[in-house]
Amino acid sequence: MGQELIVLVTCPASHADGLARSLVEEKLAACVNIVRNVTSIYRWEGQVASDSEDLLVIKSNKQRWNELTKRAKELHTYDTPEIICFDIADGYKPYIDWLNSSLRQGD
């Protein structure tokens, strides 16, 4: 373990399903949970802004990180999308095994 990642991406609700599906279909993510209707309050271009967005909770691994980031930026509608990741320090081994097997190319 230690090579697996949780990646967070916020996006407009109208793009969440398509972005999530593309990442899974392209084997850049093993699974994506879509958390609907989160409120984001942030500073943008010197102003405080607020938007309703969906949050994608993406399960992937370090081998896919660069390609996942590149593809998420290509599919995203924002100039500067939120794409951040956290290492999974530990997890239920059968799930971690499934996660990695789901990302293998050629399967």
PDB file of N, CA and C in Angstrom:
ATOM      1  N   MET A   1       0.837  -1.187   0.000  1.00  0.00           N
ATOM      2  CA  MET A   1       0.000   0.000   0.000  1.00  0.00           C
ATOM      3  C   MET A   1       0.878   1.244   0.000  1.00  0.00           C
ATOM      4  N   GLY A   2       0.254   2.390  -0.154  1.00  0.00           N
ATOM      5  CA  GLY A   2       0.997   3.633  -0.182  1.00  0.00           C
ATOM      6  C   GLY A   2       1.086   4.239  -1.569  1.00  0.00           C
ATOM      7  N   GLN A   3       0.724   3.488  -2.599  1.00  0.00           N
ATOM      8  CA  GLN A   3       0.725   4.000  -3.963  1.00  0.00           C
ATOM      9  C   GLN A   3      -0.659   4.469  -4.387  1.00  0.00           C
ATOM     10  N   GLU A   4      -1.652   4.213  -3.550  1.00  0.00           N
ATOM     11  CA  GLU A   4      -3.033   4.535  -3.893  1.00  0.00           C
ATOM     12  C   GLU A   4      -3.357   5.960  -3.464  1.00  0.00           C
ATOM     13  N   LEU A   5      -4.293   6.580  -4.206  1.00  0.00           N
ATOM     14  CA  LEU A   5      -4.625   7.986  -3.984  1.00  0.00           C
ATOM     15  C   LEU A   5      -6.129   8.205  -3.889  1.00  0.00           C
ATOM     16  N   ILE A   6      -6.490   9.223  -3.134  1.00  0.00           N
ATOM     17  CA  ILE A   6      -7.820   9.832  -3.188  1.00  0.00           C
ATOM     18  C   ILE A   6      -7.608  11.193  -3.843  1.00  0.00           C
ATOM     19  N   VAL A   7      -8.330  11.455  -4.913  1.00  0.00           N
ATOM     20  CA  VAL A   7      -8.215  12.725  -5.634  1.00  0.00           C
ATOM     21  C   VAL A   7      -9.555  13.442  -5.525  1.00  0.00           C
ATOM     22  N   LEU A   8      -9.513  14.709  -5.172  1.00  0.00           N
ATOM     23  CA  LEU A   8     -10.718  15.535  -5.069  1.00  0.00           C
ATOM     24  C   LEU A   8     -10.751  16.530  -6.219  1.00  0.00           C
ATOM     25  N   VAL A   9     -11.899  16.585  -6.865  1.00  0.00           N
ATOM     26  CA  VAL A   9     -12.122  17.537  -7.954  1.00  0.00           C
ATOM     27  C   VAL A   9     -13.521  18.113  -7.787  1.00  0.00           C
ATOM     28  N   THR A  10     -13.636  19.423  -7.778  1.00  0.00           N
ATOM     29  CA  THR A  10     -14.955  20.051  -7.800  1.00  0.00           C
ATOM     30  C   THR A  10     -15.249  20.492  -9.226  1.00  0.00           C
ATOM     31  N   CYS A  11     -16.538  20.477  -9.563  1.00  0.00           N
ATOM     32  CA  CYS A  11     -16.920  20.878 -10.919  1.00  0.00           C
ATOM     33  C   CYS A  11     -18.399  21.249 -10.924  1.00  0.00           C
ATOM     34  N   PRO A  12     -18.853  21.914 -11.994  1.00  0.00           N
ATOM     35  CA  PRO A  12     -20.281  22.193 -12.116  1.00  0.00           C
ATOM     36  C   PRO A  12     -21.057  20.874 -12.189  1.00  0.00           C
ATOM     37  N   ALA A  13     -22.233  20.857 -11.597  1.00  0.00           N
ATOM     38  CA  ALA A  13     -23.051  19.638 -11.577  1.00  0.00           C
ATOM     39  C   ALA A  13     -23.302  19.102 -12.981  1.00  0.00           C
ATOM     40  N   SER A  14     -23.419  19.979 -13.944  1.00  0.00           N
ATOM     41  CA  SER A  14     -23.714  19.558 -15.316  1.00  0.00           C
ATOM     42  C   SER A  14     -22.569  18.774 -15.955  1.00  0.00           C
ATOM     43  N   HIS A  15     -21.381  18.803 -15.364  1.00  0.00           N
ATOM     44  CA  HIS A  15     -20.220  18.110 -15.919  1.00  0.00           C
ATOM     45  C   HIS A  15     -19.751  16.933 -15.075  1.00  0.00           C
ATOM     46  N   ALA A  16     -20.302  16.764 -13.889  1.00  0.00           N
ATOM     47  CA  ALA A  16     -19.793  15.753 -12.955  1.00  0.00           C
ATOM     48  C   ALA A  16     -19.903  14.335 -13.506  1.00  0.00           C
ATOM     49  N   ASP A  17     -21.069  13.951 -13.993  1.00  0.00           N
ATOM     50  CA  ASP A  17     -21.256  12.581 -14.471  1.00  0.00           C
ATOM     51  C   ASP A  17     -20.327  12.263 -15.638  1.00  0.00           C
ATOM     52  N   GLY A  18     -20.228  13.157 -16.592  1.00  0.00           N
ATOM     53  CA  GLY A  18     -19.387  12.923 -17.752  1.00  0.00           C
ATOM     54  C   GLY A  18     -17.914  12.840 -17.398  1.00  0.00           C
ATOM     55  N   LEU A  19     -17.467  13.730 -16.535  1.00  0.00           N
ATOM     56  CA  LEU A  19     -16.075  13.718 -16.116  1.00  0.00           C
ATOM     57  C   LEU A  19     -15.769  12.416 -15.369  1.00  0.00           C
ATOM     58  N   ALA A  20     -16.635  12.049 -14.437  1.00  0.00           N
ATOM     59  CA  ALA A  20     -16.431  10.822 -13.658  1.00  0.00           C
ATOM     60  C   ALA A  20     -16.420   9.594 -14.562  1.00  0.00           C
ATOM     61  N   ARG A  21     -17.379   9.507 -15.443  1.00  0.00           N
ATOM     62  CA  ARG A  21     -17.485   8.347 -16.339  1.00  0.00           C
ATOM     63  C   ARG A  21     -16.253   8.235 -17.244  1.00  0.00           C
ATOM     64  N   SER A  22     -15.789   9.355 -17.786  1.00  0.00           N
ATOM     65  CA  SER A  22     -14.608   9.332 -18.651  1.00  0.00           C
ATOM     66  C   SER A  22     -13.385   8.820 -17.902  1.00  0.00           C
ATOM     67  N   LEU A  23     -13.173   9.292 -16.677  1.00  0.00           N
ATOM     68  CA  LEU A  23     -12.002   8.862 -15.909  1.00  0.00           C
ATOM     69  C   LEU A  23     -12.039   7.366 -15.620  1.00  0.00           C
ATOM     70  N   VAL A  24     -13.224   6.831 -15.322  1.00  0.00           N
ATOM     71  CA  VAL A  24     -13.343   5.393 -15.062  1.00  0.00           C
ATOM     72  C   VAL A  24     -13.201   4.602 -16.365  1.00  0.00           C
ATOM     73  N   GLU A  25     -13.875   5.029 -17.420  1.00  0.00           N
ATOM     74  CA  GLU A  25     -13.789   4.321 -18.697  1.00  0.00           C
ATOM     75  C   GLU A  25     -12.360   4.280 -19.234  1.00  0.00           C
ATOM     76  N   GLU A  26     -11.600   5.349 -18.993  1.00  0.00           N
ATOM     77  CA  GLU A  26     -10.222   5.426 -19.479  1.00  0.00           C
ATOM     78  C   GLU A  26      -9.223   4.794 -18.505  1.00  0.00           C
ATOM     79  N   LYS A  27      -9.718   4.163 -17.453  1.00  0.00           N
ATOM     80  CA  LYS A  27      -8.910   3.484 -16.436  1.00  0.00           C
ATOM     81  C   LYS A  27      -7.919   4.426 -15.748  1.00  0.00           C
ATOM     82  N   LEU A  28      -8.340   5.667 -15.588  1.00  0.00           N
ATOM     83  CA  LEU A  28      -7.561   6.624 -14.810  1.00  0.00           C
ATOM     84  C   LEU A  28      -8.057   6.662 -13.378  1.00  0.00           C
ATOM     85  N   ALA A  29      -9.257   6.146 -13.161  1.00  0.00           N
ATOM     86  CA  ALA A  29      -9.866   6.027 -11.831  1.00  0.00           C
ATOM     87  C   ALA A  29     -10.527   4.666 -11.737  1.00  0.00           C
ATOM     88  N   ALA A  30     -10.414   4.057 -10.569  1.00  0.00           N
ATOM     89  CA  ALA A  30     -11.106   2.789 -10.332  1.00  0.00           C
ATOM     90  C   ALA A  30     -12.569   3.051  -9.999  1.00  0.00           C
ATOM     91  N   CYS A  31     -12.802   4.159  -9.316  1.00  0.00           N
ATOM     92  CA  CYS A  31     -14.143   4.509  -8.850  1.00  0.00           C
ATOM     93  C   CYS A  31     -14.190   6.008  -8.614  1.00  0.00           C
ATOM     94  N   VAL A  32     -15.340   6.595  -8.885  1.00  0.00           N
ATOM     95  CA  VAL A  32     -15.549   8.011  -8.573  1.00  0.00           C
ATOM     96  C   VAL A  32     -16.892   8.137  -7.866  1.00  0.00           C
ATOM     97  N   ASN A  33     -16.863   8.694  -6.665  1.00  0.00           N
ATOM     98  CA  ASN A  33     -18.100   9.038  -5.968  1.00  0.00           C
ATOM     99  C   ASN A  33     -18.412  10.491  -6.284  1.00  0.00           C
ATOM    100  N   ILE A  34     -19.670  10.772  -6.561  1.00  0.00           N
ATOM    101  CA  ILE A  34     -20.097  12.141  -6.817  1.00  0.00           C
ATOM    102  C   ILE A  34     -20.921  12.602  -5.617  1.00  0.00           C
ATOM    103  N   VAL A  35     -20.398  13.594  -4.930  1.00  0.00           N
ATOM    104  CA  VAL A  35     -21.103  14.202  -3.804  1.00  0.00           C
ATOM    105  C   VAL A  35     -21.800  15.431  -4.368  1.00  0.00           C
ATOM    106  N   ARG A  36     -23.109  15.365  -4.408  1.00  0.00           N
ATOM    107  CA  ARG A  36     -23.903  16.418  -5.051  1.00  0.00           C
ATOM    108  C   ARG A  36     -24.055  17.665  -4.186  1.00  0.00           C
ATOM    109  N   ASN A  37     -24.065  18.784  -4.867  1.00  0.00           N
ATOM    110  CA  ASN A  37     -24.484  20.060  -4.289  1.00  0.00           C
ATOM    111  C   ASN A  37     -23.696  20.487  -3.053  1.00  0.00           C
ATOM    112  N   VAL A  38     -22.382  20.626  -3.221  1.00  0.00           N
ATOM    113  CA  VAL A  38     -21.570  21.219  -2.159  1.00  0.00           C
ATOM    114  C   VAL A  38     -21.460  22.713  -2.452  1.00  0.00           C
ATOM    115  N   THR A  39     -21.336  23.499  -1.418  1.00  0.00           N
ATOM    116  CA  THR A  39     -21.156  24.933  -1.586  1.00  0.00           C
ATOM    117  C   THR A  39     -19.683  25.259  -1.416  1.00  0.00           C
ATOM    118  N   SER A  40     -19.104  25.896  -2.388  1.00  0.00           N
ATOM    119  CA  SER A  40     -17.704  26.307  -2.328  1.00  0.00           C
ATOM    120  C   SER A  40     -17.651  27.820  -2.183  1.00  0.00           C
ATOM    121  N   ILE A  41     -16.936  28.267  -1.176  1.00  0.00           N
ATOM    122  CA  ILE A  41     -16.688  29.697  -0.964  1.00  0.00           C
ATOM    123  C   ILE A  41     -15.190  29.881  -1.118  1.00  0.00           C
ATOM    124  N   TYR A  42     -14.796  30.785  -2.008  1.00  0.00           N
ATOM    125  CA  TYR A  42     -13.391  30.883  -2.362  1.00  0.00           C
ATOM    126  C   TYR A  42     -13.065  32.297  -2.835  1.00  0.00           C
ATOM    127  N   ARG A  43     -11.787  32.581  -2.887  1.00  0.00           N
ATOM    128  CA  ARG A  43     -11.326  33.869  -3.401  1.00  0.00           C
ATOM    129  C   ARG A  43     -10.891  33.668  -4.841  1.00  0.00           C
ATOM    130  N   TRP A  44     -11.428  34.495  -5.744  1.00  0.00           N
ATOM    131  CA  TRP A  44     -11.072  34.399  -7.164  1.00  0.00           C
ATOM    132  C   TRP A  44     -10.966  35.800  -7.727  1.00  0.00           C
ATOM    133  N   GLU A  45      -9.821  36.098  -8.302  1.00  0.00           N
ATOM    134  CA  GLU A  45      -9.562  37.398  -8.905  1.00  0.00           C
ATOM    135  C   GLU A  45      -9.871  38.546  -7.950  1.00  0.00           C
ATOM    136  N   GLY A  46      -9.435  38.381  -6.692  1.00  0.00           N
ATOM    137  CA  GLY A  46      -9.557  39.434  -5.690  1.00  0.00           C
ATOM    138  C   GLY A  46     -10.912  39.546  -5.013  1.00  0.00           C
ATOM    139  N   GLN A  47     -11.859  38.709  -5.366  1.00  0.00           N
ATOM    140  CA  GLN A  47     -13.203  38.764  -4.801  1.00  0.00           C
ATOM    141  C   GLN A  47     -13.535  37.440  -4.117  1.00  0.00           C
ATOM    142  N   VAL A  48     -14.389  37.512  -3.116  1.00  0.00           N
ATOM    143  CA  VAL A  48     -14.907  36.291  -2.503  1.00  0.00           C
ATOM    144  C   VAL A  48     -16.131  35.863  -3.297  1.00  0.00           C
ATOM    145  N   ALA A  49     -16.119  34.618  -3.721  1.00  0.00           N
ATOM    146  CA  ALA A  49     -17.203  34.083  -4.544  1.00  0.00           C
ATOM    147  C   ALA A  49     -17.793  32.849  -3.881  1.00  0.00           C
ATOM    148  N   SER A  50     -18.971  32.476  -4.330  1.00  0.00           N
ATOM    149  CA  SER A  50     -19.651  31.290  -3.813  1.00  0.00           C
ATOM    150  C   SER A  50     -20.357  30.602  -4.966  1.00  0.00           C
ATOM    151  N   ASP A  51     -20.211  29.285  -5.042  1.00  0.00           N
ATOM    152  CA  ASP A  51     -20.855  28.511  -6.096  1.00  0.00           C
ATOM    153  C   ASP A  51     -21.317  27.175  -5.556  1.00  0.00           C
ATOM    154  N   SER A  52     -22.351  26.659  -6.160  1.00  0.00           N
ATOM    155  CA  SER A  52     -22.788  25.295  -5.912  1.00  0.00           C
ATOM    156  C   SER A  52     -22.059  24.406  -6.920  1.00  0.00           C
ATOM    157  N   GLU A  53     -21.421  23.372  -6.428  1.00  0.00           N
ATOM    158  CA  GLU A  53     -20.656  22.473  -7.279  1.00  0.00           C
ATOM    159  C   GLU A  53     -20.916  21.037  -6.833  1.00  0.00           C
ATOM    160  N   ASP A  54     -20.448  20.092  -7.619  1.00  0.00           N
ATOM    161  CA  ASP A  54     -20.394  18.698  -7.196  1.00  0.00           C
ATOM    162  C   ASP A  54     -18.940  18.381  -6.881  1.00  0.00           C
ATOM    163  N   LEU A  55     -18.742  17.482  -5.930  1.00  0.00           N
ATOM    164  CA  LEU A  55     -17.405  17.061  -5.534  1.00  0.00           C
ATOM    165  C   LEU A  55     -17.186  15.637  -6.008  1.00  0.00           C
ATOM    166  N   LEU A  56     -16.135  15.428  -6.781  1.00  0.00           N
ATOM    167  CA  LEU A  56     -15.765  14.090  -7.217  1.00  0.00           C
ATOM    168  C   LEU A  56     -14.703  13.560  -6.265  1.00  0.00           C
ATOM    169  N   VAL A  57     -14.957  12.385  -5.712  1.00  0.00           N
ATOM    170  CA  VAL A  57     -13.998  11.695  -4.854  1.00  0.00           C
ATOM    171  C   VAL A  57     -13.494  10.517  -5.688  1.00  0.00           C
ATOM    172  N   ILE A  58     -12.282  10.652  -6.166  1.00  0.00           N
ATOM    173  CA  ILE A  58     -11.720   9.742  -7.155  1.00  0.00           C
ATOM    174  C   ILE A  58     -10.705   8.818  -6.488  1.00  0.00           C
ATOM    175  N   LYS A  59     -10.836   7.507  -6.745  1.00  0.00           N
ATOM    176  CA  LYS A  59      -9.867   6.552  -6.244  1.00  0.00           C
ATOM    177  C   LYS A  59      -8.977   6.127  -7.399  1.00  0.00           C
ATOM    178  N   SER A  60      -7.662   6.319  -7.226  1.00  0.00           N
ATOM    179  CA  SER A  60      -6.709   6.007  -8.274  1.00  0.00           C
ATOM    180  C   SER A  60      -5.390   5.591  -7.626  1.00  0.00           C
ATOM    181  N   ASN A  61      -4.316   5.643  -8.412  1.00  0.00           N
ATOM    182  CA  ASN A  61      -3.003   5.362  -7.833  1.00  0.00           C
ATOM    183  C   ASN A  61      -1.955   6.265  -8.475  1.00  0.00           C
ATOM    184  N   LYS A  62      -0.760   6.243  -7.899  1.00  0.00           N
ATOM    185  CA  LYS A  62       0.294   7.157  -8.354  1.00  0.00           C
ATOM    186  C   LYS A  62       0.696   6.901  -9.797  1.00  0.00           C
ATOM    187  N   GLN A  63       0.581   5.667 -10.259  1.00  0.00           N
ATOM    188  CA  GLN A  63       0.934   5.367 -11.638  1.00  0.00           C
ATOM    189  C   GLN A  63       0.025   6.110 -12.621  1.00  0.00           C
ATOM    190  N   ARG A  64      -1.186   6.422 -12.217  1.00  0.00           N
ATOM    191  CA  ARG A  64      -2.148   7.106 -13.087  1.00  0.00           C
ATOM    192  C   ARG A  64      -2.237   8.616 -12.827  1.00  0.00           C
ATOM    193  N   TRP A  65      -1.560   9.115 -11.800  1.00  0.00           N
ATOM    194  CA  TRP A  65      -1.720  10.500 -11.355  1.00  0.00           C
ATOM    195  C   TRP A  65      -1.490  11.514 -12.479  1.00  0.00           C
ATOM    196  N   ASN A  66      -0.372  11.447 -13.171  1.00  0.00           N
ATOM    197  CA  ASN A  66      -0.082  12.459 -14.201  1.00  0.00           C
ATOM    198  C   ASN A  66      -1.109  12.438 -15.321  1.00  0.00           C
ATOM    199  N   GLU A  67      -1.462  11.262 -15.783  1.00  0.00           N
ATOM    200  CA  GLU A  67      -2.442  11.156 -16.864  1.00  0.00           C
ATOM    201  C   GLU A  67      -3.838  11.574 -16.387  1.00  0.00           C
ATOM    202  N   LEU A  68      -4.178  11.197 -15.152  1.00  0.00           N
ATOM    203  CA  LEU A  68      -5.475  11.591 -14.581  1.00  0.00           C
ATOM    204  C   LEU A  68      -5.569  13.110 -14.499  1.00  0.00           C
ATOM    205  N   THR A  69      -4.527  13.746 -14.002  1.00  0.00           N
ATOM    206  CA  THR A  69      -4.508  15.212 -13.885  1.00  0.00           C
ATOM    207  C   THR A  69      -4.651  15.865 -15.258  1.00  0.00           C
ATOM    208  N   LYS A  70      -3.881  15.384 -16.224  1.00  0.00           N
ATOM    209  CA  LYS A  70      -3.946  15.934 -17.581  1.00  0.00           C
ATOM    210  C   LYS A  70      -5.348  15.799 -18.159  1.00  0.00           C
ATOM    211  N   ARG A  71      -5.939  14.626 -18.023  1.00  0.00           N
ATOM    212  CA  ARG A  71      -7.263  14.383 -18.595  1.00  0.00           C
ATOM    213  C   ARG A  71      -8.337  15.194 -17.879  1.00  0.00           C
ATOM    214  N   ALA A  72      -8.260  15.265 -16.551  1.00  0.00           N
ATOM    215  CA  ALA A  72      -9.238  16.057 -15.790  1.00  0.00           C
ATOM    216  C   ALA A  72      -9.186  17.523 -16.228  1.00  0.00           C
ATOM    217  N   LYS A  73      -7.985  18.062 -16.452  1.00  0.00           N
ATOM    218  CA  LYS A  73      -7.869  19.450 -16.928  1.00  0.00           C
ATOM    219  C   LYS A  73      -8.465  19.604 -18.322  1.00  0.00           C
ATOM    220  N   GLU A  74      -8.257  18.626 -19.192  1.00  0.00           N
ATOM    221  CA  GLU A  74      -8.811  18.687 -20.547  1.00  0.00           C
ATOM    222  C   GLU A  74     -10.341  18.684 -20.535  1.00  0.00           C
ATOM    223  N   LEU A  75     -10.925  17.888 -19.651  1.00  0.00           N
ATOM    224  CA  LEU A  75     -12.380  17.743 -19.602  1.00  0.00           C
ATOM    225  C   LEU A  75     -13.070  18.840 -18.794  1.00  0.00           C
ATOM    226  N   HIS A  76     -12.314  19.514 -17.947  1.00  0.00           N
ATOM    227  CA  HIS A  76     -12.894  20.468 -17.001  1.00  0.00           C
ATOM    228  C   HIS A  76     -13.244  21.777 -17.689  1.00  0.00           C
ATOM    229  N   THR A  77     -14.251  22.454 -17.152  1.00  0.00           N
ATOM    230  CA  THR A  77     -14.672  23.738 -17.720  1.00  0.00           C
ATOM    231  C   THR A  77     -13.975  24.938 -17.082  1.00  0.00           C
ATOM    232  N   TYR A  78     -13.315  24.750 -15.938  1.00  0.00           N
ATOM    233  CA  TYR A  78     -12.669  25.861 -15.239  1.00  0.00           C
ATOM    234  C   TYR A  78     -11.269  26.102 -15.788  1.00  0.00           C
ATOM    235  N   ASP A  79     -10.816  27.358 -15.722  1.00  0.00           N
ATOM    236  CA  ASP A  79      -9.440  27.694 -16.080  1.00  0.00           C
ATOM    237  C   ASP A  79      -8.449  27.066 -15.101  1.00  0.00           C
ATOM    238  N   THR A  80      -8.800  27.078 -13.822  1.00  0.00           N
ATOM    239  CA  THR A  80      -7.938  26.540 -12.770  1.00  0.00           C
ATOM    240  C   THR A  80      -8.751  25.569 -11.920  1.00  0.00           C
ATOM    241  N   PRO A  81      -8.925  24.334 -12.382  1.00  0.00           N
ATOM    242  CA  PRO A  81      -9.742  23.396 -11.620  1.00  0.00           C
ATOM    243  C   PRO A  81      -9.032  22.914 -10.352  1.00  0.00           C
ATOM    244  N   GLU A  82      -9.837  22.614  -9.355  1.00  0.00           N
ATOM    245  CA  GLU A  82      -9.315  21.996  -8.140  1.00  0.00           C
ATOM    246  C   GLU A  82      -9.056  20.526  -8.448  1.00  0.00           C
ATOM    247  N   ILE A  83      -7.796  20.137  -8.382  1.00  0.00           N
ATOM    248  CA  ILE A  83      -7.399  18.735  -8.541  1.00  0.00           C
ATOM    249  C   ILE A  83      -6.324  18.502  -7.492  1.00  0.00           C
ATOM    250  N   ILE A  84      -6.712  17.896  -6.375  1.00  0.00           N
ATOM    251  CA  ILE A  84      -5.761  17.663  -5.289  1.00  0.00           C
ATOM    252  C   ILE A  84      -5.830  16.201  -4.872  1.00  0.00           C
ATOM    253  N   CYS A  85      -4.717  15.703  -4.358  1.00  0.00           N
ATOM    254  CA  CYS A  85      -4.728  14.294  -3.987  1.00  0.00           C
ATOM    255  C   CYS A  85      -4.134  14.079  -2.608  1.00  0.00           C
ATOM    256  N   PHE A  86      -4.535  12.961  -2.041  1.00  0.00           N
ATOM    257  CA  PHE A  86      -4.046  12.498  -0.747  1.00  0.00           C
ATOM    258  C   PHE A  86      -3.614  11.050  -0.906  1.00  0.00           C
ATOM    259  N   ASP A  87      -2.493  10.710  -0.315  1.00  0.00           N
ATOM    260  CA  ASP A  87      -2.088   9.311  -0.291  1.00  0.00           C
ATOM    261  C   ASP A  87      -3.016   8.525   0.625  1.00  0.00           C
ATOM    262  N   ILE A  88      -3.359   7.332   0.224  1.00  0.00           N
ATOM    263  CA  ILE A  88      -4.088   6.417   1.092  1.00  0.00           C
ATOM    264  C   ILE A  88      -3.031   5.679   1.905  1.00  0.00           C
ATOM    265  N   ALA A  89      -2.955   5.963   3.192  1.00  0.00           N
ATOM    266  CA  ALA A  89      -1.934   5.358   4.044  1.00  0.00           C
ATOM    267  C   ALA A  89      -2.246   3.897   4.346  1.00  0.00           C
ATOM    268  N   ASP A  90      -3.517   3.576   4.409  1.00  0.00           N
ATOM    269  CA  ASP A  90      -3.929   2.217   4.730  1.00  0.00           C
ATOM    270  C   ASP A  90      -5.358   2.040   4.256  1.00  0.00           C
ATOM    271  N   GLY A  91      -5.752   0.808   4.077  1.00  0.00           N
ATOM    272  CA  GLY A  91      -7.113   0.534   3.633  1.00  0.00           C
ATOM    273  C   GLY A  91      -7.382  -0.958   3.675  1.00  0.00           C
ATOM    274  N   TYR A  92      -8.617  -1.318   3.510  1.00  0.00           N
ATOM    275  CA  TYR A  92      -9.037  -2.713   3.496  1.00  0.00           C
ATOM    276  C   TYR A  92      -8.376  -3.390   2.298  1.00  0.00           C
ATOM    277  N   LYS A  93      -7.510  -4.364   2.547  1.00  0.00           N
ATOM    278  CA  LYS A  93      -6.681  -4.953   1.500  1.00  0.00           C
ATOM    279  C   LYS A  93      -7.468  -5.453   0.295  1.00  0.00           C
ATOM    280  N   PRO A  94      -8.590  -6.169   0.473  1.00  0.00           N
ATOM    281  CA  PRO A  94      -9.334  -6.580  -0.724  1.00  0.00           C
ATOM    282  C   PRO A  94      -9.799  -5.387  -1.579  1.00  0.00           C
ATOM    283  N   TYR A  95     -10.165  -4.276  -0.948  1.00  0.00           N
ATOM    284  CA  TYR A  95     -10.562  -3.094  -1.708  1.00  0.00           C
ATOM    285  C   TYR A  95      -9.361  -2.492  -2.437  1.00  0.00           C
ATOM    286  N   ILE A  96      -8.234  -2.372  -1.747  1.00  0.00           N
ATOM    287  CA  ILE A  96      -7.029  -1.816  -2.360  1.00  0.00           C
ATOM    288  C   ILE A  96      -6.591  -2.693  -3.539  1.00  0.00           C
ATOM    289  N   ASP A  97      -6.662  -4.009  -3.368  1.00  0.00           N
ATOM    290  CA  ASP A  97      -6.327  -4.924  -4.465  1.00  0.00           C
ATOM    291  C   ASP A  97      -7.261  -4.699  -5.656  1.00  0.00           C
ATOM    292  N   TRP A  98      -8.563  -4.560  -5.373  1.00  0.00           N
ATOM    293  CA  TRP A  98      -9.535  -4.299  -6.444  1.00  0.00           C
ATOM    294  C   TRP A  98      -9.221  -2.979  -7.141  1.00  0.00           C
ATOM    295  N   LEU A  99      -8.938  -1.933  -6.352  1.00  0.00           N
ATOM    296  CA  LEU A  99      -8.626  -0.619  -6.911  1.00  0.00           C
ATOM    297  C   LEU A  99      -7.494  -0.745  -7.923  1.00  0.00           C
ATOM    298  N   ASN A 100      -6.407  -1.361  -7.530  1.00  0.00           N
ATOM    299  CA  ASN A 100      -5.252  -1.467  -8.420  1.00  0.00           C
ATOM    300  C   ASN A 100      -5.535  -2.357  -9.623  1.00  0.00           C
ATOM    301  N   SER A 101      -6.266  -3.441  -9.429  1.00  0.00           N
ATOM    302  CA  SER A 101      -6.571  -4.322 -10.563  1.00  0.00           C
ATOM    303  C   SER A 101      -7.491  -3.608 -11.564  1.00  0.00           C
ATOM    304  N   SER A 102      -8.346  -2.720 -11.094  1.00  0.00           N
ATOM    305  CA  SER A 102      -9.253  -1.974 -11.967  1.00  0.00           C
ATOM    306  C   SER A 102      -8.523  -0.972 -12.856  1.00  0.00           C
ATOM    307  N   LEU A 103      -7.318  -0.597 -12.460  1.00  0.00           N
ATOM    308  CA  LEU A 103      -6.564   0.409 -13.203  1.00  0.00           C
ATOM    309  C   LEU A 103      -5.567  -0.199 -14.171  1.00  0.00           C
ATOM    310  N   ARG A 104      -5.432  -1.516 -14.163  1.00  0.00           N
ATOM    311  CA  ARG A 104      -4.477  -2.169 -15.070  1.00  0.00           C
ATOM    312  C   ARG A 104      -4.934  -2.004 -16.516  1.00  0.00           C
ATOM    313  N   GLN A 105      -4.033  -1.574 -17.342  1.00  0.00           N
ATOM    314  CA  GLN A 105      -4.328  -1.436 -18.767  1.00  0.00           C
ATOM    315  C   GLN A 105      -4.445  -2.827 -19.385  1.00  0.00           C
ATOM    316  N   GLY A 106      -5.315  -2.981 -20.351  1.00  0.00           N
ATOM    317  CA  GLY A 106      -5.460  -4.254 -21.053  1.00  0.00           C
ATOM    318  C   GLY A 106      -6.483  -5.187 -20.443  1.00  0.00           C
ATOM    319  N   ASP A 107      -6.976  -4.885 -19.245  1.00  0.00           N
ATOM    320  CA  ASP A 107      -7.992  -5.740 -18.619  1.00  0.00           C
ATOM    321  C   ASP A 107      -9.364  -5.376 -19.132  1.00  0.00           C
TER     322      ASP A 107
END
